[in-house]
Amino acid sequence: MSILNIQLPTRRQQGFTIVELLIAGTLGILLLAGVIQLFVGSNKNYTLQGQLADIQEDGRFALMFLKEELQQGGWAENPWLARPAAINMANSTDGVTDSVAVAYSVQAGGVNSFDCNGAAVAAGQIENRFFVGGANGDELLCQGNGGGAAQPLIDGVTNFQVLYGVETDASCPDGVVNSYITHDQFVAAGASVLLVSVRIALLLSSEENVLPANESHDHQLLDTSFNTNDKLTHRLFQQTIYMPNGIFLTISDPSAVMDCMTDLI
């Protein structure tokens, strides 16, 4: 019996052609570019959201701190005795950025015996002045009268504005705000107006450039228009704070107010 040697035809093995390699390389580059673009976009969005979260946190903290301080303005342990003016206008200013100095009586041995820097004030009145400054000129600072350097509350503050809500019915005050005026207008008005509330505005900015190009924006902070032209993101925080001690001074004698209003009817 003979064995037949049968040889099967063999296929020639071939590699990829240069055209196929070029197509595959191009597709790989396009895919890699898409992944990189997605990563860069996600990273920018993450940075933006982080900056916005920081601004939101700083803004809420600043408003809360300022509200607690301003509402103490004019406080005295015995409300029937002489009390300090809620705002020391001599140490407050009106300008490109404003400042406001809050004053209230010292409570001997109580919580109201330390200024905003934590320094003890033995007697008299505590005065905390809030203004924008610092090494980079963008910190909201508080300077107490107990001694020591001003301490920062938050940074990234582009502008700070203050208006004063006043009672203009000096002959028959009812404790209702008739208008909001600037510091200089308040000083010029003198005894013809009574302080009822304070309105504050803070324009905060991100610490990093988060926009692809400079953008120009006009911001309205109370009575002041302020322009920014940069790659930062900005947020405006505003609040009206009623001054309970100021209102108390305007209507400290309710019967007299009622008599006065009755006479006007």
C-alpha atoms as a PDB file:
ATOM      1  CA  MET A   1       0.000   0.000   0.000  1.00  0.00           C
ATOM      2  CA  SER A   2       1.496   3.270  -1.029  1.00  0.00           C
ATOM      3  CA  ILE A   3       1.218   6.440   0.940  1.00  0.00           C
ATOM      4  CA  LEU A   4       0.486   9.487  -1.098  1.00  0.00           C
ATOM      5  CA  ASN A   5       2.221  12.654  -0.054  1.00  0.00           C
ATOM      6  CA  ILE A   6      -0.342  15.333  -0.574  1.00  0.00           C
ATOM      7  CA  GLN A   7       0.880  18.879  -0.194  1.00  0.00           C
ATOM      8  CA  LEU A   8      -1.821  21.439   0.632  1.00  0.00           C
ATOM      9  CA  PRO A   9      -1.486  24.873  -0.839  1.00  0.00           C
ATOM     10  CA  THR A  10      -0.180  27.428   1.701  1.00  0.00           C
ATOM     11  CA  ARG A  11      -1.316  31.048   2.047  1.00  0.00           C
ATOM     12  CA  ARG A  12       1.280  33.674   1.906  1.00  0.00           C
ATOM     13  CA  GLN A  13       1.436  35.674   5.222  1.00  0.00           C
ATOM     14  CA  GLN A  14       1.378  39.392   4.697  1.00  0.00           C
ATOM     15  CA  GLY A  15       1.767  42.331   7.133  1.00  0.00           C
ATOM     16  CA  PHE A  16      -0.177  45.596   7.251  1.00  0.00           C
ATOM     17  CA  THR A  17       0.344  47.968   4.418  1.00  0.00           C
ATOM     18  CA  ILE A  18       1.629  51.474   5.026  1.00  0.00           C
ATOM     19  CA  VAL A  19      -1.828  52.852   4.204  1.00  0.00           C
ATOM     20  CA  GLU A  20      -3.459  50.657   6.857  1.00  0.00           C
ATOM     21  CA  LEU A  21      -0.873  51.713   9.425  1.00  0.00           C
ATOM     22  CA  LEU A  22      -1.440  55.381   8.611  1.00  0.00           C
ATOM     23  CA  ILE A  23      -5.218  54.977   8.958  1.00  0.00           C
ATOM     24  CA  ALA A  24      -4.874  53.122  12.259  1.00  0.00           C
ATOM     25  CA  GLY A  25      -2.428  55.718  13.591  1.00  0.00           C
ATOM     26  CA  THR A  26      -4.691  58.583  12.577  1.00  0.00           C
ATOM     27  CA  LEU A  27      -7.686  56.976  14.264  1.00  0.00           C
ATOM     28  CA  GLY A  28      -5.621  56.380  17.395  1.00  0.00           C
ATOM     29  CA  ILE A  29      -4.486  59.998  17.473  1.00  0.00           C
ATOM     30  CA  LEU A  30      -8.056  61.237  17.026  1.00  0.00           C
ATOM     31  CA  LEU A  31      -9.252  58.969  19.815  1.00  0.00           C
ATOM     32  CA  LEU A  32      -6.422  60.086  22.101  1.00  0.00           C
ATOM     33  CA  ALA A  33      -7.154  63.752  21.300  1.00  0.00           C
ATOM     34  CA  GLY A  34     -10.793  63.217  22.241  1.00  0.00           C
ATOM     35  CA  VAL A  35      -9.823  61.626  25.554  1.00  0.00           C
ATOM     36  CA  ILE A  36      -7.376  64.451  26.324  1.00  0.00           C
ATOM     37  CA  GLN A  37      -9.995  67.090  25.455  1.00  0.00           C
ATOM     38  CA  LEU A  38     -12.520  65.345  27.691  1.00  0.00           C
ATOM     39  CA  PHE A  39      -9.988  65.226  30.521  1.00  0.00           C
ATOM     40  CA  VAL A  40      -9.037  68.903  30.131  1.00  0.00           C
ATOM     41  CA  GLY A  41     -12.696  69.930  29.989  1.00  0.00           C
ATOM     42  CA  SER A  42     -13.525  67.890  33.080  1.00  0.00           C
ATOM     43  CA  ASN A  43     -10.537  69.354  34.928  1.00  0.00           C
ATOM     44  CA  LYS A  44     -11.570  72.928  34.034  1.00  0.00           C
ATOM     45  CA  ASN A  45     -15.146  72.242  35.111  1.00  0.00           C
ATOM     46  CA  TYR A  46     -13.881  70.725  38.384  1.00  0.00           C
ATOM     47  CA  THR A  47     -11.717  73.806  39.011  1.00  0.00           C
ATOM     48  CA  LEU A  48     -14.621  76.156  38.230  1.00  0.00           C
ATOM     49  CA  GLN A  49     -17.005  74.310  40.538  1.00  0.00           C
ATOM     50  CA  GLY A  50     -14.391  74.305  43.294  1.00  0.00           C
ATOM     51  CA  GLN A  51     -13.819  78.052  42.927  1.00  0.00           C
ATOM     52  CA  LEU A  52     -17.574  78.738  42.953  1.00  0.00           C
ATOM     53  CA  ALA A  53     -17.977  76.612  46.080  1.00  0.00           C
ATOM     54  CA  ASP A  54     -15.189  78.559  47.812  1.00  0.00           C
ATOM     55  CA  ILE A  55     -16.765  81.883  46.820  1.00  0.00           C
ATOM     56  CA  GLN A  56     -20.180  80.739  48.050  1.00  0.00           C
ATOM     57  CA  GLU A  57     -18.753  79.595  51.374  1.00  0.00           C
ATOM     58  CA  ASP A  58     -16.764  82.809  51.882  1.00  0.00           C
ATOM     59  CA  GLY A  59     -19.728  84.992  50.922  1.00  0.00           C
ATOM     60  CA  ARG A  60     -22.128  83.269  53.299  1.00  0.00           C
ATOM     61  CA  PHE A  61     -19.609  83.402  56.145  1.00  0.00           C
ATOM     62  CA  ALA A  62     -18.900  87.113  55.585  1.00  0.00           C
ATOM     63  CA  LEU A  63     -22.601  88.015  55.525  1.00  0.00           C
ATOM     64  CA  MET A  64     -23.266  85.973  58.664  1.00  0.00           C
ATOM     65  CA  PHE A  65     -20.328  87.526  60.543  1.00  0.00           C
ATOM     66  CA  LEU A  66     -21.171  91.077  59.479  1.00  0.00           C
ATOM     67  CA  LYS A  67     -24.836  90.592  60.364  1.00  0.00           C
ATOM     68  CA  GLU A  68     -24.026  89.423  63.888  1.00  0.00           C
ATOM     69  CA  GLU A  69     -21.624  92.321  64.416  1.00  0.00           C
ATOM     70  CA  LEU A  70     -23.851  95.025  62.945  1.00  0.00           C
ATOM     71  CA  GLN A  71     -26.913  93.907  64.876  1.00  0.00           C
ATOM     72  CA  GLN A  72     -24.935  94.417  68.093  1.00  0.00           C
ATOM     73  CA  GLY A  73     -24.234  98.026  67.128  1.00  0.00           C
ATOM     74  CA  GLY A  74     -25.434 100.421  69.818  1.00  0.00           C
ATOM     75  CA  TRP A  75     -25.959  97.633  72.370  1.00  0.00           C
ATOM     76  CA  ALA A  76     -25.721  98.429  76.076  1.00  0.00           C
ATOM     77  CA  GLU A  77     -26.235  96.128  79.038  1.00  0.00           C
ATOM     78  CA  ASN A  78     -28.669  98.659  80.483  1.00  0.00           C
ATOM     79  CA  PRO A  79     -30.699 100.003  77.546  1.00  0.00           C
ATOM     80  CA  TRP A  80     -31.955 102.962  79.588  1.00  0.00           C
ATOM     81  CA  LEU A  81     -28.484 104.339  80.171  1.00  0.00           C
ATOM     82  CA  ALA A  82     -26.332 106.141  77.620  1.00  0.00           C
ATOM     83  CA  ARG A  83     -25.318 103.850  74.790  1.00  0.00           C
ATOM     84  CA  PRO A  84     -22.753 104.267  71.989  1.00  0.00           C
ATOM     85  CA  ALA A  85     -23.772 105.154  68.457  1.00  0.00           C
ATOM     86  CA  ALA A  86     -24.291 101.906  66.529  1.00  0.00           C
ATOM     87  CA  ILE A  87     -21.912 103.069  63.776  1.00  0.00           C
ATOM     88  CA  ASN A  88     -18.919 105.275  64.488  1.00  0.00           C
ATOM     89  CA  MET A  89     -19.118 107.464  61.403  1.00  0.00           C
ATOM     90  CA  ALA A  90     -15.802 109.122  62.245  1.00  0.00           C
ATOM     91  CA  ASN A  91     -13.992 105.823  61.650  1.00  0.00           C
ATOM     92  CA  SER A  92     -16.156 104.705  58.713  1.00  0.00           C
ATOM     93  CA  THR A  93     -15.461 105.838  55.150  1.00  0.00           C
ATOM     94  CA  ASP A  94     -17.110 106.179  51.764  1.00  0.00           C
ATOM     95  CA  GLY A  95     -14.971 105.568  48.675  1.00  0.00           C
ATOM     96  CA  VAL A  96     -13.985 103.125  45.949  1.00  0.00           C
ATOM     97  CA  THR A  97     -14.414 100.526  48.674  1.00  0.00           C
ATOM     98  CA  ASP A  98     -16.231 101.464  51.876  1.00  0.00           C
ATOM     99  CA  SER A  99     -15.481 100.735  55.505  1.00  0.00           C
ATOM    100  CA  VAL A 100     -17.796 100.534  58.508  1.00  0.00           C
ATOM    101  CA  ALA A 101     -16.983 100.744  62.225  1.00  0.00           C
ATOM    102  CA  VAL A 102     -19.462  99.024  64.575  1.00  0.00           C
ATOM    103  CA  ALA A 103     -19.575 100.045  68.244  1.00  0.00           C
ATOM    104  CA  TYR A 104     -21.293  98.576  71.291  1.00  0.00           C
ATOM    105  CA  SER A 105     -20.766  98.646  75.051  1.00  0.00           C
ATOM    106  CA  VAL A 106     -18.465  96.237  76.845  1.00  0.00           C
ATOM    107  CA  GLN A 107     -20.208  93.630  78.968  1.00  0.00           C
ATOM    108  CA  ALA A 108     -18.016  93.152  82.026  1.00  0.00           C
ATOM    109  CA  GLY A 109     -17.150  89.462  82.300  1.00  0.00           C
ATOM    110  CA  GLY A 110     -19.517  88.566  79.465  1.00  0.00           C
ATOM    111  CA  VAL A 111     -19.295  87.549  75.841  1.00  0.00           C
ATOM    112  CA  ASN A 112     -19.212  91.185  74.712  1.00  0.00           C
ATOM    113  CA  SER A 113     -15.831  91.891  76.248  1.00  0.00           C
ATOM    114  CA  PHE A 114     -13.616  90.927  73.281  1.00  0.00           C
ATOM    115  CA  ASP A 115     -13.197  92.641  69.942  1.00  0.00           C
ATOM    116  CA  CYS A 116     -13.283  90.861  66.569  1.00  0.00           C
ATOM    117  CA  ASN A 117      -9.553  90.020  66.869  1.00  0.00           C
ATOM    118  CA  GLY A 118     -10.083  88.264  70.194  1.00  0.00           C
ATOM    119  CA  ALA A 119      -8.422  91.035  72.206  1.00  0.00           C
ATOM    120  CA  ALA A 120     -10.013  91.885  75.556  1.00  0.00           C
ATOM    121  CA  VAL A 121     -11.484  95.346  76.034  1.00  0.00           C
ATOM    122  CA  ALA A 122     -11.588  96.176  79.741  1.00  0.00           C
ATOM    123  CA  ALA A 123     -14.219  98.923  79.798  1.00  0.00           C
ATOM    124  CA  GLY A 124     -16.081 101.460  77.700  1.00  0.00           C
ATOM    125  CA  GLN A 125     -17.053 100.287  74.241  1.00  0.00           C
ATOM    126  CA  ILE A 126     -15.883  97.755  71.688  1.00  0.00           C
ATOM    127  CA  GLU A 127     -15.344  99.027  68.176  1.00  0.00           C
ATOM    128  CA  ASN A 128     -14.775  96.716  65.212  1.00  0.00           C
ATOM    129  CA  ARG A 129     -13.896  98.294  61.877  1.00  0.00           C
ATOM    130  CA  PHE A 130     -14.404  96.313  58.657  1.00  0.00           C
ATOM    131  CA  PHE A 131     -12.560  97.285  55.479  1.00  0.00           C
ATOM    132  CA  VAL A 132     -10.789  95.836  52.423  1.00  0.00           C
ATOM    133  CA  GLY A 133      -6.984  95.647  52.460  1.00  0.00           C
ATOM    134  CA  GLY A 134      -4.193  93.163  53.092  1.00  0.00           C
ATOM    135  CA  ALA A 135      -1.037  92.297  51.182  1.00  0.00           C
ATOM    136  CA  ASN A 136      -2.907  91.827  47.896  1.00  0.00           C
ATOM    137  CA  GLY A 137      -5.606  94.385  48.648  1.00  0.00           C
ATOM    138  CA  ASP A 138      -8.377  91.789  48.415  1.00  0.00           C
ATOM    139  CA  GLU A 139      -8.990  90.753  52.030  1.00  0.00           C
ATOM    140  CA  LEU A 140     -11.956  91.733  54.179  1.00  0.00           C
ATOM    141  CA  LEU A 141     -10.208  92.778  57.380  1.00  0.00           C
ATOM    142  CA  CYS A 142     -11.464  93.488  60.874  1.00  0.00           C
ATOM    143  CA  GLN A 143      -9.591  95.873  63.152  1.00  0.00           C
ATOM    144  CA  GLY A 144     -10.675  95.844  66.792  1.00  0.00           C
ATOM    145  CA  ASN A 145      -9.886  98.513  69.372  1.00  0.00           C
ATOM    146  CA  GLY A 146      -8.423  96.029  71.862  1.00  0.00           C
ATOM    147  CA  GLY A 147      -4.988  96.203  70.254  1.00  0.00           C
ATOM    148  CA  GLY A 148      -3.153  94.124  67.669  1.00  0.00           C
ATOM    149  CA  ALA A 149      -3.088  94.065  63.896  1.00  0.00           C
ATOM    150  CA  ALA A 150      -6.167  93.755  61.700  1.00  0.00           C
ATOM    151  CA  GLN A 151      -7.123  90.166  60.959  1.00  0.00           C
ATOM    152  CA  PRO A 152      -8.551  88.846  57.656  1.00  0.00           C
ATOM    153  CA  LEU A 153     -12.011  87.291  57.531  1.00  0.00           C
ATOM    154  CA  ILE A 154     -12.006  86.220  53.868  1.00  0.00           C
ATOM    155  CA  ASP A 155      -9.973  86.943  50.750  1.00  0.00           C
ATOM    156  CA  GLY A 156     -10.900  87.425  47.111  1.00  0.00           C
ATOM    157  CA  VAL A 157     -12.897  90.594  47.892  1.00  0.00           C
ATOM    158  CA  THR A 158     -13.004  92.854  44.840  1.00  0.00           C
ATOM    159  CA  ASN A 159     -15.305  95.490  46.317  1.00  0.00           C
ATOM    160  CA  PHE A 160     -17.217  96.304  49.513  1.00  0.00           C
ATOM    161  CA  GLN A 161     -20.032  98.859  49.682  1.00  0.00           C
ATOM    162  CA  VAL A 162     -22.239 100.075  52.531  1.00  0.00           C
ATOM    163  CA  LEU A 163     -25.463 102.109  52.619  1.00  0.00           C
ATOM    164  CA  TYR A 164     -27.353 103.314  55.673  1.00  0.00           C
ATOM    165  CA  GLY A 165     -31.113 103.042  56.040  1.00  0.00           C
ATOM    166  CA  VAL A 166     -32.356 106.129  57.858  1.00  0.00           C
ATOM    167  CA  GLU A 167     -35.492 107.455  59.469  1.00  0.00           C
ATOM    168  CA  THR A 168     -35.990 111.029  58.281  1.00  0.00           C
ATOM    169  CA  ASP A 169     -39.141 111.796  60.274  1.00  0.00           C
ATOM    170  CA  ALA A 170     -37.109 113.204  63.146  1.00  0.00           C
ATOM    171  CA  SER A 171     -40.110 115.100  64.571  1.00  0.00           C
ATOM    172  CA  CYS A 172     -42.231 111.954  64.750  1.00  0.00           C
ATOM    173  CA  PRO A 173     -40.042 108.842  64.245  1.00  0.00           C
ATOM    174  CA  ASP A 174     -41.706 105.494  63.660  1.00  0.00           C
ATOM    175  CA  GLY A 175     -38.615 103.311  63.107  1.00  0.00           C
ATOM    176  CA  VAL A 176     -39.298 102.775  59.399  1.00  0.00           C
ATOM    177  CA  VAL A 177     -36.567 103.278  56.781  1.00  0.00           C
ATOM    178  CA  ASN A 178     -37.344 106.270  54.575  1.00  0.00           C
ATOM    179  CA  SER A 179     -34.243 106.104  52.382  1.00  0.00           C
ATOM    180  CA  TYR A 180     -30.791 104.578  52.004  1.00  0.00           C
ATOM    181  CA  ILE A 181     -27.903 107.007  51.907  1.00  0.00           C
ATOM    182  CA  THR A 182     -24.101 106.908  51.780  1.00  0.00           C
ATOM    183  CA  HIS A 183     -21.740 107.555  54.664  1.00  0.00           C
ATOM    184  CA  ASP A 184     -21.004 111.099  53.461  1.00  0.00           C
ATOM    185  CA  GLN A 185     -24.710 111.873  53.090  1.00  0.00           C
ATOM    186  CA  PHE A 186     -25.357 110.529  56.581  1.00  0.00           C
ATOM    187  CA  VAL A 187     -22.635 112.746  58.077  1.00  0.00           C
ATOM    188  CA  ALA A 188     -23.928 115.770  56.173  1.00  0.00           C
ATOM    189  CA  ALA A 189     -27.494 115.145  57.398  1.00  0.00           C
ATOM    190  CA  GLY A 190     -26.397 115.178  61.030  1.00  0.00           C
ATOM    191  CA  ALA A 191     -29.104 114.909  63.661  1.00  0.00           C
ATOM    192  CA  SER A 192     -31.900 115.127  61.074  1.00  0.00           C
ATOM    193  CA  VAL A 193     -31.656 111.374  60.395  1.00  0.00           C
ATOM    194  CA  LEU A 194     -31.737 108.302  62.622  1.00  0.00           C
ATOM    195  CA  LEU A 195     -30.028 105.000  61.762  1.00  0.00           C
ATOM    196  CA  VAL A 196     -32.426 102.065  61.353  1.00  0.00           C
ATOM    197  CA  SER A 197     -30.609  99.549  59.113  1.00  0.00           C
ATOM    198  CA  VAL A 198     -27.425  98.912  57.150  1.00  0.00           C
ATOM    199  CA  ARG A 199     -27.243  97.489  53.645  1.00  0.00           C
ATOM    200  CA  ILE A 200     -23.972  95.801  52.619  1.00  0.00           C
ATOM    201  CA  ALA A 201     -22.668  94.433  49.302  1.00  0.00           C
ATOM    202  CA  LEU A 202     -19.611  92.255  48.669  1.00  0.00           C
ATOM    203  CA  LEU A 203     -18.202  91.381  45.250  1.00  0.00           C
ATOM    204  CA  LEU A 204     -16.080  88.230  45.543  1.00  0.00           C
ATOM    205  CA  SER A 205     -13.744  86.787  42.906  1.00  0.00           C
ATOM    206  CA  SER A 206     -12.147  83.397  42.313  1.00  0.00           C
ATOM    207  CA  GLU A 207      -8.511  82.885  43.247  1.00  0.00           C
ATOM    208  CA  GLU A 208      -7.636  81.325  39.866  1.00  0.00           C
ATOM    209  CA  ASN A 209      -8.341  82.178  36.238  1.00  0.00           C
ATOM    210  CA  VAL A 210     -11.214  79.914  35.227  1.00  0.00           C
ATOM    211  CA  LEU A 211     -12.404  81.590  32.004  1.00  0.00           C
ATOM    212  CA  PRO A 212     -10.725  80.980  28.629  1.00  0.00           C
ATOM    213  CA  ALA A 213     -10.419  84.709  27.890  1.00  0.00           C
ATOM    214  CA  ASN A 214     -10.920  88.067  29.563  1.00  0.00           C
ATOM    215  CA  GLU A 215     -14.576  88.981  30.020  1.00  0.00           C
ATOM    216  CA  SER A 216     -15.849  92.438  30.859  1.00  0.00           C
ATOM    217  CA  HIS A 217     -18.715  92.722  33.344  1.00  0.00           C
ATOM    218  CA  ASP A 218     -20.452  95.669  35.003  1.00  0.00           C
ATOM    219  CA  HIS A 219     -21.484  94.924  38.592  1.00  0.00           C
ATOM    220  CA  GLN A 220     -23.994  97.044  40.488  1.00  0.00           C
ATOM    221  CA  LEU A 221     -23.118  97.164  44.180  1.00  0.00           C
ATOM    222  CA  LEU A 222     -25.918  99.171  45.786  1.00  0.00           C
ATOM    223  CA  ASP A 223     -25.326 102.727  44.493  1.00  0.00           C
ATOM    224  CA  THR A 224     -21.929 101.934  42.944  1.00  0.00           C
ATOM    225  CA  SER A 225     -21.196 100.553  39.470  1.00  0.00           C
ATOM    226  CA  PHE A 226     -17.998  98.509  39.285  1.00  0.00           C
ATOM    227  CA  ASN A 227     -16.381  96.968  36.176  1.00  0.00           C
ATOM    228  CA  THR A 228     -14.194  93.854  35.982  1.00  0.00           C
ATOM    229  CA  ASN A 229     -12.282  92.672  32.911  1.00  0.00           C
ATOM    230  CA  ASP A 230     -10.420  89.437  33.600  1.00  0.00           C
ATOM    231  CA  LYS A 231     -10.537  85.639  33.499  1.00  0.00           C
ATOM    232  CA  LEU A 232     -11.910  85.342  37.022  1.00  0.00           C
ATOM    233  CA  THR A 233     -15.448  84.440  37.975  1.00  0.00           C
ATOM    234  CA  HIS A 234     -17.304  86.863  40.248  1.00  0.00           C
ATOM    235  CA  ARG A 235     -20.304  86.633  42.563  1.00  0.00           C
ATOM    236  CA  LEU A 236     -22.229  89.437  44.276  1.00  0.00           C
ATOM    237  CA  PHE A 237     -23.525  89.087  47.847  1.00  0.00           C
ATOM    238  CA  GLN A 238     -25.928  91.645  49.320  1.00  0.00           C
ATOM    239  CA  GLN A 239     -27.882  91.835  52.560  1.00  0.00           C
ATOM    240  CA  THR A 240     -29.996  94.326  54.476  1.00  0.00           C
ATOM    241  CA  ILE A 241     -29.404  94.206  58.220  1.00  0.00           C
ATOM    242  CA  TYR A 242     -31.841  95.861  60.587  1.00  0.00           C
ATOM    243  CA  MET A 243     -30.307  97.506  63.628  1.00  0.00           C
ATOM    244  CA  PRO A 244     -32.521  96.634  66.609  1.00  0.00           C
ATOM    245  CA  ASN A 245     -30.731  99.043  68.937  1.00  0.00           C
ATOM    246  CA  GLY A 246     -31.043 101.851  66.418  1.00  0.00           C
ATOM    247  CA  ILE A 247     -34.764 101.162  66.054  1.00  0.00           C
ATOM    248  CA  PHE A 248     -35.076 101.084  69.852  1.00  0.00           C
ATOM    249  CA  LEU A 249     -33.605 104.574  70.017  1.00  0.00           C
ATOM    250  CA  THR A 250     -36.148 105.909  67.532  1.00  0.00           C
ATOM    251  CA  ILE A 251     -39.144 104.489  69.386  1.00  0.00           C
ATOM    252  CA  SER A 252     -37.799 104.235  72.945  1.00  0.00           C
ATOM    253  CA  ASP A 253     -40.937 105.982  74.163  1.00  0.00           C
ATOM    254  CA  PRO A 254     -43.867 104.239  72.389  1.00  0.00           C
ATOM    255  CA  SER A 255     -46.478 106.438  74.068  1.00  0.00           C
ATOM    256  CA  ALA A 256     -44.779 109.584  72.789  1.00  0.00           C
ATOM    257  CA  VAL A 257     -44.670 108.116  69.285  1.00  0.00           C
ATOM    258  CA  MET A 258     -48.378 107.248  69.443  1.00  0.00           C
ATOM    259  CA  ASP A 259     -49.217 110.737  70.679  1.00  0.00           C
ATOM    260  CA  CYS A 260     -47.115 112.204  67.900  1.00  0.00           C
ATOM    261  CA  MET A 261     -48.791 110.121  65.222  1.00  0.00           C
ATOM    262  CA  THR A 262     -52.219 110.936  66.650  1.00  0.00           C
ATOM    263  CA  ASP A 263     -51.473 114.640  66.393  1.00  0.00           C
ATOM    264  CA  LEU A 264     -50.638 114.163  62.714  1.00  0.00           C
ATOM    265  CA  ILE A 265     -53.976 112.533  61.902  1.00  0.00           C
END
